[in-house]
Amino acid sequence: MSPEAIIALITILLTVAYAYANGMNDAANAIATVISTRVLSPFTAIVMGAVMNFIGALSGTAVAKTIGKGIIDPDQITQATVMAAVLAAVIWVFVATRFGYPVSVSHSLVAGVLGAGIATAGFAAVNTATIQKVMTALALSPIFGIIGGFIFMTILYWLLRNRRPAWVSNIFGKLQVVSAVFMAFSHGKNDGQNAMGMIALAYAVYQSPEQPVVEIVLWMQILGALAIFLGTAVGGWRVIQTIGMRVTLLRPVHGFAAETVAGGIIEGASTLGLPVSTTHTIGSSIVGVGATRRLSAVRWGITRNIVLSWIVTYPACFGMALVISFLLGLVLDPVIASPASSN
């Protein structure tokens, strides 16, 4: 096996590890509320979430194309660039999962791709128009989540004002299963495609370093979907506890409202091919829903810690990818360019 093939294989395996970590950290957010409201047992919720993430990941390629060729010009990067971007995101997400911080996996990867790409080819390699759209979507999704959660929950309060609490809990206990399925599906459709885009980019740079053509094919979809499926199945218990149980007290009607709003935002972004933070979206939707009772119902200390971990993600992953890309370039580029590797 040639050095180029080995590097490509390692990069793809790292991307699979990234998708697996996504399932452990980010996909846990899709099922946290349905567990915290006790509508589903943890085991049932995790199985449901894993299956729906898998199905969602196979349902499109728009986000994968944005990640694979929309952020950085593939013509100006190397295999070391792709490996560095994925490695930075993997390190950050695994560390965050270990300590129970629900960081944005999408933020991690976008920042990693930017940092590695700039280290290799400078700012000229950045597709500015796409980055502006992606950054706007990443910034607006939590704002839409808070506002949408608050408005939707307020409407539900008004519609249900004359209903008995037992009736509300019974009806929305059933409806929350539907909203949880929708949330898990939309998560897979958005975040599940991140890994596919990076697998496609790694394969394209390996196949044709001078003029890589990034295409999303079936085996890439299945590989990315399986990885996020396994990550969700294994769990992410600390993140589930943080999002579902420590931000605010949730009942089935609140869980239904938060999941429906978040799922709708994520589904819309996926259709437009925009990667958004599912962590931001479901977390902010829960905050919006909780704030309808009273502002003190939201545990702002926990929320502040989550927000800080989100903010730190950008510079941490960008900086890591920048340094790793530079170091890997020093090691790998001479190996790839050597006469022995071309024979």
C-alpha atoms as a PDB file:
ATOM      1  CA  MET A   1       0.000   0.000   0.000  1.00  0.00           C
ATOM      2  CA  SER A   2       1.372   3.411  -0.983  1.00  0.00           C
ATOM      3  CA  PRO A   3       1.974   6.197   1.582  1.00  0.00           C
ATOM      4  CA  GLU A   4      -0.843   8.186  -0.017  1.00  0.00           C
ATOM      5  CA  ALA A   5      -3.275   5.296   0.429  1.00  0.00           C
ATOM      6  CA  ILE A   6      -2.219   4.777   4.058  1.00  0.00           C
ATOM      7  CA  ILE A   7      -2.700   8.479   4.836  1.00  0.00           C
ATOM      8  CA  ALA A   8      -6.118   8.468   3.148  1.00  0.00           C
ATOM      9  CA  LEU A   9      -7.160   5.366   5.092  1.00  0.00           C
ATOM     10  CA  ILE A  10      -6.039   6.872   8.410  1.00  0.00           C
ATOM     11  CA  THR A  11      -7.942  10.079   7.612  1.00  0.00           C
ATOM     12  CA  ILE A  12     -11.117   8.152   6.805  1.00  0.00           C
ATOM     13  CA  LEU A  13     -10.788   6.150  10.029  1.00  0.00           C
ATOM     14  CA  LEU A  14     -10.356   9.393  11.972  1.00  0.00           C
ATOM     15  CA  THR A  15     -13.504  10.696  10.284  1.00  0.00           C
ATOM     16  CA  VAL A  16     -15.358   7.567  11.381  1.00  0.00           C
ATOM     17  CA  ALA A  17     -14.098   8.232  14.922  1.00  0.00           C
ATOM     18  CA  TYR A  18     -15.396  11.805  14.587  1.00  0.00           C
ATOM     19  CA  ALA A  19     -18.846  10.529  13.562  1.00  0.00           C
ATOM     20  CA  TYR A  20     -18.791   8.051  16.441  1.00  0.00           C
ATOM     21  CA  ALA A  21     -17.938  10.869  18.873  1.00  0.00           C
ATOM     22  CA  ASN A  22     -20.742  12.872  17.279  1.00  0.00           C
ATOM     23  CA  GLY A  23     -23.125  10.090  18.221  1.00  0.00           C
ATOM     24  CA  MET A  24     -21.822  10.004  21.785  1.00  0.00           C
ATOM     25  CA  ASN A  25     -21.874  13.776  22.314  1.00  0.00           C
ATOM     26  CA  ASP A  26     -24.186  15.537  19.901  1.00  0.00           C
ATOM     27  CA  ALA A  27     -26.700  12.838  19.003  1.00  0.00           C
ATOM     28  CA  ALA A  28     -27.373  12.342  22.699  1.00  0.00           C
ATOM     29  CA  ASN A  29     -29.033  15.760  22.622  1.00  0.00           C
ATOM     30  CA  ALA A  30     -31.687  14.419  20.264  1.00  0.00           C
ATOM     31  CA  ILE A  31     -32.984  11.990  22.884  1.00  0.00           C
ATOM     32  CA  ALA A  32     -32.124  13.748  26.147  1.00  0.00           C
ATOM     33  CA  THR A  33     -35.512  15.418  26.626  1.00  0.00           C
ATOM     34  CA  VAL A  34     -37.559  12.282  26.008  1.00  0.00           C
ATOM     35  CA  ILE A  35     -35.457  10.508  28.658  1.00  0.00           C
ATOM     36  CA  SER A  36     -35.650  13.336  31.195  1.00  0.00           C
ATOM     37  CA  THR A  37     -39.467  13.483  30.929  1.00  0.00           C
ATOM     38  CA  ARG A  38     -39.532   9.687  31.415  1.00  0.00           C
ATOM     39  CA  VAL A  39     -41.672   9.201  28.323  1.00  0.00           C
ATOM     40  CA  LEU A  40     -39.181   6.556  27.149  1.00  0.00           C
ATOM     41  CA  SER A  41     -36.683   4.501  29.080  1.00  0.00           C
ATOM     42  CA  PRO A  42     -33.019   5.318  28.383  1.00  0.00           C
ATOM     43  CA  PHE A  43     -32.533   2.018  26.537  1.00  0.00           C
ATOM     44  CA  THR A  44     -35.598   2.471  24.300  1.00  0.00           C
ATOM     45  CA  ALA A  45     -34.747   6.111  23.604  1.00  0.00           C
ATOM     46  CA  ILE A  46     -31.160   5.298  22.665  1.00  0.00           C
ATOM     47  CA  VAL A  47     -32.238   2.519  20.287  1.00  0.00           C
ATOM     48  CA  MET A  48     -34.798   4.837  18.702  1.00  0.00           C
ATOM     49  CA  GLY A  49     -32.282   7.671  18.447  1.00  0.00           C
ATOM     50  CA  ALA A  50     -29.621   5.451  16.895  1.00  0.00           C
ATOM     51  CA  VAL A  51     -31.988   4.082  14.255  1.00  0.00           C
ATOM     52  CA  MET A  52     -33.434   7.492  13.333  1.00  0.00           C
ATOM     53  CA  ASN A  53     -29.977   9.077  13.189  1.00  0.00           C
ATOM     54  CA  PHE A  54     -28.953   6.338  10.771  1.00  0.00           C
ATOM     55  CA  ILE A  55     -32.018   6.857   8.572  1.00  0.00           C
ATOM     56  CA  GLY A  56     -31.640  10.636   8.681  1.00  0.00           C
ATOM     57  CA  ALA A  57     -27.988  10.450   7.696  1.00  0.00           C
ATOM     58  CA  LEU A  58     -28.916   8.493   4.569  1.00  0.00           C
ATOM     59  CA  SER A  59     -31.693  10.886   3.547  1.00  0.00           C
ATOM     60  CA  GLY A  60     -29.606  13.496   1.718  1.00  0.00           C
ATOM     61  CA  THR A  61     -26.196  14.855   0.778  1.00  0.00           C
ATOM     62  CA  ALA A  62     -26.645  18.652   0.709  1.00  0.00           C
ATOM     63  CA  VAL A  63     -24.801  19.267   4.000  1.00  0.00           C
ATOM     64  CA  ALA A  64     -22.079  16.758   3.065  1.00  0.00           C
ATOM     65  CA  LYS A  65     -21.385  18.685  -0.142  1.00  0.00           C
ATOM     66  CA  THR A  66     -21.077  21.949   1.786  1.00  0.00           C
ATOM     67  CA  ILE A  67     -18.587  20.404   4.220  1.00  0.00           C
ATOM     68  CA  GLY A  68     -16.622  18.558   1.511  1.00  0.00           C
ATOM     69  CA  LYS A  69     -16.173  21.331  -1.031  1.00  0.00           C
ATOM     70  CA  GLY A  70     -17.956  24.473   0.124  1.00  0.00           C
ATOM     71  CA  ILE A  71     -15.720  25.725   2.931  1.00  0.00           C
ATOM     72  CA  ILE A  72     -12.204  25.284   1.541  1.00  0.00           C
ATOM     73  CA  ASP A  73     -11.244  24.983  -2.133  1.00  0.00           C
ATOM     74  CA  PRO A  74     -10.284  21.290  -2.581  1.00  0.00           C
ATOM     75  CA  ASP A  75      -7.765  22.234  -5.297  1.00  0.00           C
ATOM     76  CA  GLN A  76      -5.551  24.041  -2.784  1.00  0.00           C
ATOM     77  CA  ILE A  77      -5.260  21.521   0.044  1.00  0.00           C
ATOM     78  CA  THR A  78      -3.339  18.316   0.742  1.00  0.00           C
ATOM     79  CA  GLN A  79      -4.006  15.048   2.530  1.00  0.00           C
ATOM     80  CA  ALA A  80      -2.314  16.521   5.600  1.00  0.00           C
ATOM     81  CA  THR A  81      -4.897  19.327   5.561  1.00  0.00           C
ATOM     82  CA  VAL A  82      -7.849  16.960   5.648  1.00  0.00           C
ATOM     83  CA  MET A  83      -6.278  14.795   8.343  1.00  0.00           C
ATOM     84  CA  ALA A  84      -5.498  17.823  10.519  1.00  0.00           C
ATOM     85  CA  ALA A  85      -9.060  19.180  10.255  1.00  0.00           C
ATOM     86  CA  VAL A  86     -10.613  15.878  11.309  1.00  0.00           C
ATOM     87  CA  LEU A  87      -8.030  15.190  14.015  1.00  0.00           C
ATOM     88  CA  ALA A  88      -8.630  18.557  15.694  1.00  0.00           C
ATOM     89  CA  ALA A  89     -12.391  17.962  15.736  1.00  0.00           C
ATOM     90  CA  VAL A  90     -11.991  14.391  17.030  1.00  0.00           C
ATOM     91  CA  ILE A  91      -9.726  15.454  19.894  1.00  0.00           C
ATOM     92  CA  TRP A  92     -12.015  18.280  20.939  1.00  0.00           C
ATOM     93  CA  VAL A  93     -15.247  16.261  20.814  1.00  0.00           C
ATOM     94  CA  PHE A  94     -13.814  13.257  22.664  1.00  0.00           C
ATOM     95  CA  VAL A  95     -12.423  15.483  25.412  1.00  0.00           C
ATOM     96  CA  ALA A  96     -15.744  17.350  25.708  1.00  0.00           C
ATOM     97  CA  THR A  97     -17.688  14.092  25.859  1.00  0.00           C
ATOM     98  CA  ARG A  98     -15.353  12.762  28.549  1.00  0.00           C
ATOM     99  CA  PHE A  99     -16.219  15.728  30.778  1.00  0.00           C
ATOM    100  CA  GLY A 100     -19.902  15.869  29.814  1.00  0.00           C
ATOM    101  CA  TYR A 101     -19.828  19.144  27.886  1.00  0.00           C
ATOM    102  CA  PRO A 102     -22.334  19.219  25.001  1.00  0.00           C
ATOM    103  CA  VAL A 103     -20.129  21.139  22.559  1.00  0.00           C
ATOM    104  CA  SER A 104     -21.098  21.694  18.958  1.00  0.00           C
ATOM    105  CA  VAL A 105     -19.694  18.960  16.751  1.00  0.00           C
ATOM    106  CA  SER A 106     -20.505  21.050  13.666  1.00  0.00           C
ATOM    107  CA  HIS A 107     -18.630  24.042  15.080  1.00  0.00           C
ATOM    108  CA  SER A 108     -15.668  21.780  15.816  1.00  0.00           C
ATOM    109  CA  LEU A 109     -15.445  20.516  12.259  1.00  0.00           C
ATOM    110  CA  VAL A 110     -16.070  23.845  10.508  1.00  0.00           C
ATOM    111  CA  ALA A 111     -13.401  25.519  12.665  1.00  0.00           C
ATOM    112  CA  GLY A 112     -11.040  22.578  12.053  1.00  0.00           C
ATOM    113  CA  VAL A 113     -11.489  22.735   8.282  1.00  0.00           C
ATOM    114  CA  LEU A 114     -10.915  26.503   8.309  1.00  0.00           C
ATOM    115  CA  GLY A 115      -7.810  26.302  10.481  1.00  0.00           C
ATOM    116  CA  ALA A 116      -6.227  23.454   8.517  1.00  0.00           C
ATOM    117  CA  GLY A 117      -7.089  25.012   5.152  1.00  0.00           C
ATOM    118  CA  ILE A 118      -5.650  28.404   6.064  1.00  0.00           C
ATOM    119  CA  ALA A 119      -2.487  26.763   7.425  1.00  0.00           C
ATOM    120  CA  THR A 120      -1.988  25.015   4.085  1.00  0.00           C
ATOM    121  CA  ALA A 121      -3.042  27.576   1.496  1.00  0.00           C
ATOM    122  CA  GLY A 122      -3.781  30.837   3.278  1.00  0.00           C
ATOM    123  CA  PHE A 123      -7.025  32.797   3.300  1.00  0.00           C
ATOM    124  CA  ALA A 124      -7.268  32.615  -0.504  1.00  0.00           C
ATOM    125  CA  ALA A 125      -8.423  28.990  -0.158  1.00  0.00           C
ATOM    126  CA  VAL A 126     -11.497  29.966   1.871  1.00  0.00           C
ATOM    127  CA  ASN A 127     -14.806  30.077   0.000  1.00  0.00           C
ATOM    128  CA  THR A 128     -15.980  33.313   1.588  1.00  0.00           C
ATOM    129  CA  ALA A 129     -19.571  33.262   0.332  1.00  0.00           C
ATOM    130  CA  THR A 130     -20.211  29.763   1.692  1.00  0.00           C
ATOM    131  CA  ILE A 131     -18.501  30.513   4.987  1.00  0.00           C
ATOM    132  CA  GLN A 132     -20.701  33.579   5.468  1.00  0.00           C
ATOM    133  CA  LYS A 133     -23.821  31.441   4.964  1.00  0.00           C
ATOM    134  CA  VAL A 134     -22.561  28.695   7.280  1.00  0.00           C
ATOM    135  CA  MET A 135     -21.522  31.116  10.026  1.00  0.00           C
ATOM    136  CA  THR A 136     -24.840  32.945   9.758  1.00  0.00           C
ATOM    137  CA  ALA A 137     -26.745  29.670  10.098  1.00  0.00           C
ATOM    138  CA  LEU A 138     -24.616  28.589  13.059  1.00  0.00           C
ATOM    139  CA  ALA A 139     -25.181  31.946  14.763  1.00  0.00           C
ATOM    140  CA  LEU A 140     -28.923  32.237  14.083  1.00  0.00           C
ATOM    141  CA  SER A 141     -29.951  28.674  14.963  1.00  0.00           C
ATOM    142  CA  PRO A 142     -29.756  29.193  18.764  1.00  0.00           C
ATOM    143  CA  ILE A 143     -31.546  32.548  18.471  1.00  0.00           C
ATOM    144  CA  PHE A 144     -34.331  30.913  16.488  1.00  0.00           C
ATOM    145  CA  GLY A 145     -34.355  28.111  19.065  1.00  0.00           C
ATOM    146  CA  ILE A 146     -34.907  30.423  22.041  1.00  0.00           C
ATOM    147  CA  ILE A 147     -37.519  32.573  20.299  1.00  0.00           C
ATOM    148  CA  GLY A 148     -39.261  29.622  18.663  1.00  0.00           C
ATOM    149  CA  GLY A 149     -39.339  27.615  21.886  1.00  0.00           C
ATOM    150  CA  PHE A 150     -40.754  30.539  23.846  1.00  0.00           C
ATOM    151  CA  ILE A 151     -43.446  31.372  21.261  1.00  0.00           C
ATOM    152  CA  PHE A 152     -44.496  27.762  20.607  1.00  0.00           C
ATOM    153  CA  MET A 153     -44.719  26.958  24.323  1.00  0.00           C
ATOM    154  CA  THR A 154     -46.728  30.132  24.945  1.00  0.00           C
ATOM    155  CA  ILE A 155     -49.195  29.086  22.227  1.00  0.00           C
ATOM    156  CA  LEU A 156     -49.485  25.613  23.759  1.00  0.00           C
ATOM    157  CA  TYR A 157     -50.149  27.106  27.205  1.00  0.00           C
ATOM    158  CA  TRP A 158     -52.978  29.181  25.728  1.00  0.00           C
ATOM    159  CA  LEU A 159     -54.484  26.244  23.806  1.00  0.00           C
ATOM    160  CA  LEU A 160     -54.288  23.937  26.818  1.00  0.00           C
ATOM    161  CA  ARG A 161     -55.309  26.446  29.488  1.00  0.00           C
ATOM    162  CA  ASN A 162     -58.596  24.682  30.260  1.00  0.00           C
ATOM    163  CA  ARG A 163     -57.243  21.123  30.147  1.00  0.00           C
ATOM    164  CA  ARG A 164     -56.470  19.049  33.199  1.00  0.00           C
ATOM    165  CA  PRO A 165     -52.742  18.401  33.869  1.00  0.00           C
ATOM    166  CA  ALA A 166     -53.258  14.626  33.756  1.00  0.00           C
ATOM    167  CA  TRP A 167     -54.832  14.878  30.288  1.00  0.00           C
ATOM    168  CA  VAL A 168     -52.016  17.085  29.038  1.00  0.00           C
ATOM    169  CA  SER A 169     -49.351  14.722  30.345  1.00  0.00           C
ATOM    170  CA  ASN A 170     -51.083  11.696  28.814  1.00  0.00           C
ATOM    171  CA  ILE A 171     -51.515  13.245  25.353  1.00  0.00           C
ATOM    172  CA  PHE A 172     -48.105  14.841  25.146  1.00  0.00           C
ATOM    173  CA  GLY A 173     -46.427  11.735  26.508  1.00  0.00           C
ATOM    174  CA  LYS A 174     -47.482  10.114  23.224  1.00  0.00           C
ATOM    175  CA  LEU A 175     -46.789  13.168  21.075  1.00  0.00           C
ATOM    176  CA  GLN A 176     -43.294  13.537  22.504  1.00  0.00           C
ATOM    177  CA  VAL A 177     -42.340  10.152  21.093  1.00  0.00           C
ATOM    178  CA  VAL A 178     -43.191  11.546  17.640  1.00  0.00           C
ATOM    179  CA  SER A 179     -41.233  14.756  18.251  1.00  0.00           C
ATOM    180  CA  ALA A 180     -38.244  12.781  19.535  1.00  0.00           C
ATOM    181  CA  VAL A 181     -38.262  10.636  16.376  1.00  0.00           C
ATOM    182  CA  PHE A 182     -38.378  13.818  14.283  1.00  0.00           C
ATOM    183  CA  MET A 183     -35.553  15.404  16.259  1.00  0.00           C
ATOM    184  CA  ALA A 184     -33.315  12.322  15.955  1.00  0.00           C
ATOM    185  CA  PHE A 185     -34.040  12.075  12.213  1.00  0.00           C
ATOM    186  CA  SER A 186     -33.259  15.745  11.585  1.00  0.00           C
ATOM    187  CA  HIS A 187     -30.070  15.441  13.625  1.00  0.00           C
ATOM    188  CA  GLY A 188     -28.883  12.550  11.491  1.00  0.00           C
ATOM    189  CA  LYS A 189     -29.784  14.444   8.335  1.00  0.00           C
ATOM    190  CA  ASN A 190     -27.615  17.388   9.353  1.00  0.00           C
ATOM    191  CA  ASP A 191     -24.783  16.218  11.595  1.00  0.00           C
ATOM    192  CA  GLY A 192     -24.607  12.733  10.110  1.00  0.00           C
ATOM    193  CA  GLN A 193     -23.550  14.259   6.815  1.00  0.00           C
ATOM    194  CA  ASN A 194     -20.534  16.059   8.286  1.00  0.00           C
ATOM    195  CA  ALA A 195     -18.489  12.865   8.286  1.00  0.00           C
ATOM    196  CA  MET A 196     -19.612  11.980   4.764  1.00  0.00           C
ATOM    197  CA  GLY A 197     -18.326  15.292   3.465  1.00  0.00           C
ATOM    198  CA  MET A 198     -14.913  14.783   5.045  1.00  0.00           C
ATOM    199  CA  ILE A 199     -14.666  11.174   3.825  1.00  0.00           C
ATOM    200  CA  ALA A 200     -15.467  12.391   0.316  1.00  0.00           C
ATOM    201  CA  LEU A 201     -12.871  15.163   0.585  1.00  0.00           C
ATOM    202  CA  ALA A 202     -10.165  12.782   1.859  1.00  0.00           C
ATOM    203  CA  TYR A 203     -10.907  10.295  -0.921  1.00  0.00           C
ATOM    204  CA  ALA A 204     -10.970  12.982  -3.625  1.00  0.00           C
ATOM    205  CA  VAL A 205      -7.609  14.475  -2.553  1.00  0.00           C
ATOM    206  CA  TYR A 206      -6.113  10.970  -2.513  1.00  0.00           C
ATOM    207  CA  GLN A 207      -7.519  10.023  -5.921  1.00  0.00           C
ATOM    208  CA  SER A 208      -6.573  13.232  -7.702  1.00  0.00           C
ATOM    209  CA  PRO A 209      -4.326  15.564  -5.654  1.00  0.00           C
ATOM    210  CA  GLU A 210      -4.039  18.156  -8.442  1.00  0.00           C
ATOM    211  CA  GLN A 211      -7.740  18.451  -9.296  1.00  0.00           C
ATOM    212  CA  PRO A 212      -9.842  16.625  -6.682  1.00  0.00           C
ATOM    213  CA  VAL A 213     -13.492  16.053  -7.544  1.00  0.00           C
ATOM    214  CA  VAL A 214     -15.548  15.722  -4.377  1.00  0.00           C
ATOM    215  CA  GLU A 215     -18.478  13.335  -4.828  1.00  0.00           C
ATOM    216  CA  ILE A 216     -20.685  11.738  -2.172  1.00  0.00           C
ATOM    217  CA  VAL A 217     -21.265   8.073  -3.028  1.00  0.00           C
ATOM    218  CA  LEU A 218     -23.276   5.379  -1.251  1.00  0.00           C
ATOM    219  CA  TRP A 219     -20.438   3.703   0.659  1.00  0.00           C
ATOM    220  CA  MET A 220     -19.495   7.053   2.201  1.00  0.00           C
ATOM    221  CA  GLN A 221     -23.093   7.625   3.300  1.00  0.00           C
ATOM    222  CA  ILE A 222     -23.354   4.169   4.852  1.00  0.00           C
ATOM    223  CA  LEU A 223     -20.000   4.477   6.641  1.00  0.00           C
ATOM    224  CA  GLY A 224     -20.867   7.856   8.148  1.00  0.00           C
ATOM    225  CA  ALA A 225     -24.374   6.737   9.103  1.00  0.00           C
ATOM    226  CA  LEU A 226     -23.113   3.546  10.767  1.00  0.00           C
ATOM    227  CA  ALA A 227     -20.559   5.477  12.814  1.00  0.00           C
ATOM    228  CA  ILE A 228     -23.118   7.924  14.196  1.00  0.00           C
ATOM    229  CA  PHE A 229     -25.503   5.003  14.797  1.00  0.00           C
ATOM    230  CA  LEU A 230     -22.910   3.214  16.944  1.00  0.00           C
ATOM    231  CA  GLY A 231     -21.968   6.379  18.818  1.00  0.00           C
ATOM    232  CA  THR A 232     -25.607   7.027  19.709  1.00  0.00           C
ATOM    233  CA  ALA A 233     -26.130   3.391  20.690  1.00  0.00           C
ATOM    234  CA  VAL A 234     -23.186   3.486  23.086  1.00  0.00           C
ATOM    235  CA  GLY A 235     -24.641   6.565  24.703  1.00  0.00           C
ATOM    236  CA  GLY A 236     -23.261   9.805  25.983  1.00  0.00           C
ATOM    237  CA  TRP A 237     -24.829   9.641  29.388  1.00  0.00           C
ATOM    238  CA  ARG A 238     -23.182  12.703  30.896  1.00  0.00           C
ATOM    239  CA  VAL A 239     -24.328  14.890  28.021  1.00  0.00           C
ATOM    240  CA  ILE A 240     -27.849  13.457  28.216  1.00  0.00           C
ATOM    241  CA  GLN A 241     -27.926  14.372  31.891  1.00  0.00           C
ATOM    242  CA  THR A 242     -26.653  17.916  31.264  1.00  0.00           C
ATOM    243  CA  ILE A 243     -29.055  18.771  28.454  1.00  0.00           C
ATOM    244  CA  GLY A 244     -32.120  16.869  29.576  1.00  0.00           C
ATOM    245  CA  MET A 245     -32.061  17.137  33.337  1.00  0.00           C
ATOM    246  CA  ARG A 246     -29.959  20.068  34.511  1.00  0.00           C
ATOM    247  CA  VAL A 247     -30.963  23.021  32.291  1.00  0.00           C
ATOM    248  CA  THR A 248     -34.605  23.170  33.390  1.00  0.00           C
ATOM    249  CA  LEU A 249     -37.345  20.889  34.711  1.00  0.00           C
ATOM    250  CA  LEU A 250     -39.132  19.318  31.758  1.00  0.00           C
ATOM    251  CA  ARG A 251     -42.516  17.646  31.402  1.00  0.00           C
ATOM    252  CA  PRO A 252     -43.787  15.897  28.245  1.00  0.00           C
ATOM    253  CA  VAL A 253     -45.440  19.034  26.848  1.00  0.00           C
ATOM    254  CA  HIS A 254     -42.194  20.993  27.315  1.00  0.00           C
ATOM    255  CA  GLY A 255     -40.135  18.231  25.714  1.00  0.00           C
ATOM    256  CA  PHE A 256     -42.538  18.084  22.782  1.00  0.00           C
ATOM    257  CA  ALA A 257     -42.299  21.840  22.241  1.00  0.00           C
ATOM    258  CA  ALA A 258     -38.501  21.943  22.434  1.00  0.00           C
ATOM    259  CA  GLU A 259     -37.980  18.946  20.129  1.00  0.00           C
ATOM    260  CA  THR A 260     -40.523  20.141  17.565  1.00  0.00           C
ATOM    261  CA  VAL A 261     -38.999  23.613  17.322  1.00  0.00           C
ATOM    262  CA  ALA A 262     -35.419  22.334  17.224  1.00  0.00           C
ATOM    263  CA  GLY A 263     -36.230  19.590  14.719  1.00  0.00           C
ATOM    264  CA  GLY A 264     -37.934  22.076  12.418  1.00  0.00           C
ATOM    265  CA  ILE A 265     -34.968  24.467  12.475  1.00  0.00           C
ATOM    266  CA  ILE A 266     -32.469  21.670  11.809  1.00  0.00           C
ATOM    267  CA  GLU A 267     -34.582  20.161   9.027  1.00  0.00           C
ATOM    268  CA  GLY A 268     -34.822  23.542   7.290  1.00  0.00           C
ATOM    269  CA  ALA A 269     -31.068  24.079   7.512  1.00  0.00           C
ATOM    270  CA  SER A 270     -30.381  20.573   6.172  1.00  0.00           C
ATOM    271  CA  THR A 271     -32.600  21.188   3.156  1.00  0.00           C
ATOM    272  CA  LEU A 272     -30.562  24.325   2.405  1.00  0.00           C
ATOM    273  CA  GLY A 273     -27.299  22.387   2.816  1.00  0.00           C
ATOM    274  CA  LEU A 274     -26.244  24.361   5.882  1.00  0.00           C
ATOM    275  CA  PRO A 275     -24.565  22.625   8.830  1.00  0.00           C
ATOM    276  CA  VAL A 276     -25.937  23.939  12.113  1.00  0.00           C
ATOM    277  CA  SER A 277     -25.260  23.071  15.704  1.00  0.00           C
ATOM    278  CA  THR A 278     -27.895  20.645  16.904  1.00  0.00           C
ATOM    279  CA  THR A 279     -26.525  21.211  20.401  1.00  0.00           C
ATOM    280  CA  HIS A 280     -27.128  24.941  20.106  1.00  0.00           C
ATOM    281  CA  THR A 281     -30.558  24.410  18.645  1.00  0.00           C
ATOM    282  CA  ILE A 282     -32.026  21.908  21.104  1.00  0.00           C
ATOM    283  CA  GLY A 283     -30.296  23.576  24.063  1.00  0.00           C
ATOM    284  CA  SER A 284     -31.634  27.014  23.189  1.00  0.00           C
ATOM    285  CA  SER A 285     -35.103  25.598  22.468  1.00  0.00           C
ATOM    286  CA  ILE A 286     -35.150  24.064  25.958  1.00  0.00           C
ATOM    287  CA  VAL A 287     -34.132  27.431  27.412  1.00  0.00           C
ATOM    288  CA  GLY A 288     -36.902  29.184  25.462  1.00  0.00           C
ATOM    289  CA  VAL A 289     -39.499  26.665  26.603  1.00  0.00           C
ATOM    290  CA  GLY A 290     -38.318  26.825  30.222  1.00  0.00           C
ATOM    291  CA  ALA A 291     -38.405  30.622  30.251  1.00  0.00           C
ATOM    292  CA  THR A 292     -42.180  30.627  29.576  1.00  0.00           C
ATOM    293  CA  ARG A 293     -42.799  29.483  33.146  1.00  0.00           C
ATOM    294  CA  ARG A 294     -40.466  32.057  34.655  1.00  0.00           C
ATOM    295  CA  LEU A 295     -36.881  33.073  34.046  1.00  0.00           C
ATOM    296  CA  SER A 296     -35.813  31.461  37.306  1.00  0.00           C
ATOM    297  CA  ALA A 297     -37.039  28.094  36.001  1.00  0.00           C
ATOM    298  CA  VAL A 298     -33.915  27.985  33.833  1.00  0.00           C
ATOM    299  CA  ARG A 299     -30.738  27.059  35.671  1.00  0.00           C
ATOM    300  CA  TRP A 300     -28.661  29.833  34.183  1.00  0.00           C
ATOM    301  CA  GLY A 301     -25.412  28.687  35.815  1.00  0.00           C
ATOM    302  CA  ILE A 302     -25.544  25.387  33.895  1.00  0.00           C
ATOM    303  CA  THR A 303     -26.654  27.209  30.738  1.00  0.00           C
ATOM    304  CA  ARG A 304     -23.758  29.659  31.067  1.00  0.00           C
ATOM    305  CA  ASN A 305     -21.254  26.799  31.286  1.00  0.00           C
ATOM    306  CA  ILE A 306     -22.722  25.211  28.155  1.00  0.00           C
ATOM    307  CA  VAL A 307     -22.545  28.521  26.272  1.00  0.00           C
ATOM    308  CA  LEU A 308     -18.930  29.021  27.324  1.00  0.00           C
ATOM    309  CA  SER A 309     -18.007  25.576  26.032  1.00  0.00           C
ATOM    310  CA  TRP A 310     -19.629  26.480  22.708  1.00  0.00           C
ATOM    311  CA  ILE A 311     -17.711  29.762  22.500  1.00  0.00           C
ATOM    312  CA  VAL A 312     -14.376  28.121  23.278  1.00  0.00           C
ATOM    313  CA  THR A 313     -14.917  25.518  20.538  1.00  0.00           C
ATOM    314  CA  TYR A 314     -14.147  27.908  17.653  1.00  0.00           C
ATOM    315  CA  PRO A 315     -10.717  29.156  18.711  1.00  0.00           C
ATOM    316  CA  ALA A 316      -9.737  25.803  20.235  1.00  0.00           C
ATOM    317  CA  CYS A 317     -10.451  23.745  17.097  1.00  0.00           C
ATOM    318  CA  PHE A 318      -9.202  26.443  14.727  1.00  0.00           C
ATOM    319  CA  GLY A 319      -5.923  26.747  16.621  1.00  0.00           C
ATOM    320  CA  MET A 320      -5.457  22.998  16.992  1.00  0.00           C
ATOM    321  CA  ALA A 321      -6.102  22.394  13.305  1.00  0.00           C
ATOM    322  CA  LEU A 322      -3.733  25.211  12.338  1.00  0.00           C
ATOM    323  CA  VAL A 323      -0.878  23.744  14.376  1.00  0.00           C
ATOM    324  CA  ILE A 324      -1.599  20.106  13.475  1.00  0.00           C
ATOM    325  CA  SER A 325      -1.835  20.942   9.769  1.00  0.00           C
ATOM    326  CA  PHE A 326       1.522  22.713   9.857  1.00  0.00           C
ATOM    327  CA  LEU A 327       3.193  19.829  11.700  1.00  0.00           C
ATOM    328  CA  LEU A 328       1.621  17.105   9.564  1.00  0.00           C
ATOM    329  CA  GLY A 329       2.607  19.004   6.435  1.00  0.00           C
ATOM    330  CA  LEU A 330       6.222  18.936   7.540  1.00  0.00           C
ATOM    331  CA  VAL A 331       6.055  15.175   8.075  1.00  0.00           C
ATOM    332  CA  LEU A 332       3.661  13.893   5.409  1.00  0.00           C
ATOM    333  CA  ASP A 333       4.192  16.156   2.393  1.00  0.00           C
ATOM    334  CA  PRO A 334       7.840  15.067   1.853  1.00  0.00           C
ATOM    335  CA  VAL A 335       6.767  11.416   2.124  1.00  0.00           C
ATOM    336  CA  ILE A 336       4.044  11.846  -0.486  1.00  0.00           C
ATOM    337  CA  ALA A 337       6.314  13.855  -2.772  1.00  0.00           C
ATOM    338  CA  SER A 338       9.235  11.394  -2.553  1.00  0.00           C
ATOM    339  CA  PRO A 339      10.091   9.364  -5.682  1.00  0.00           C
ATOM    340  CA  ALA A 340       9.611   6.093  -3.798  1.00  0.00           C
ATOM    341  CA  SER A 341       5.962   6.892  -3.064  1.00  0.00           C
ATOM    342  CA  SER A 342       5.199   7.521  -6.720  1.00  0.00           C
ATOM    343  CA  ASN A 343       6.604   4.198  -7.879  1.00  0.00           C
END
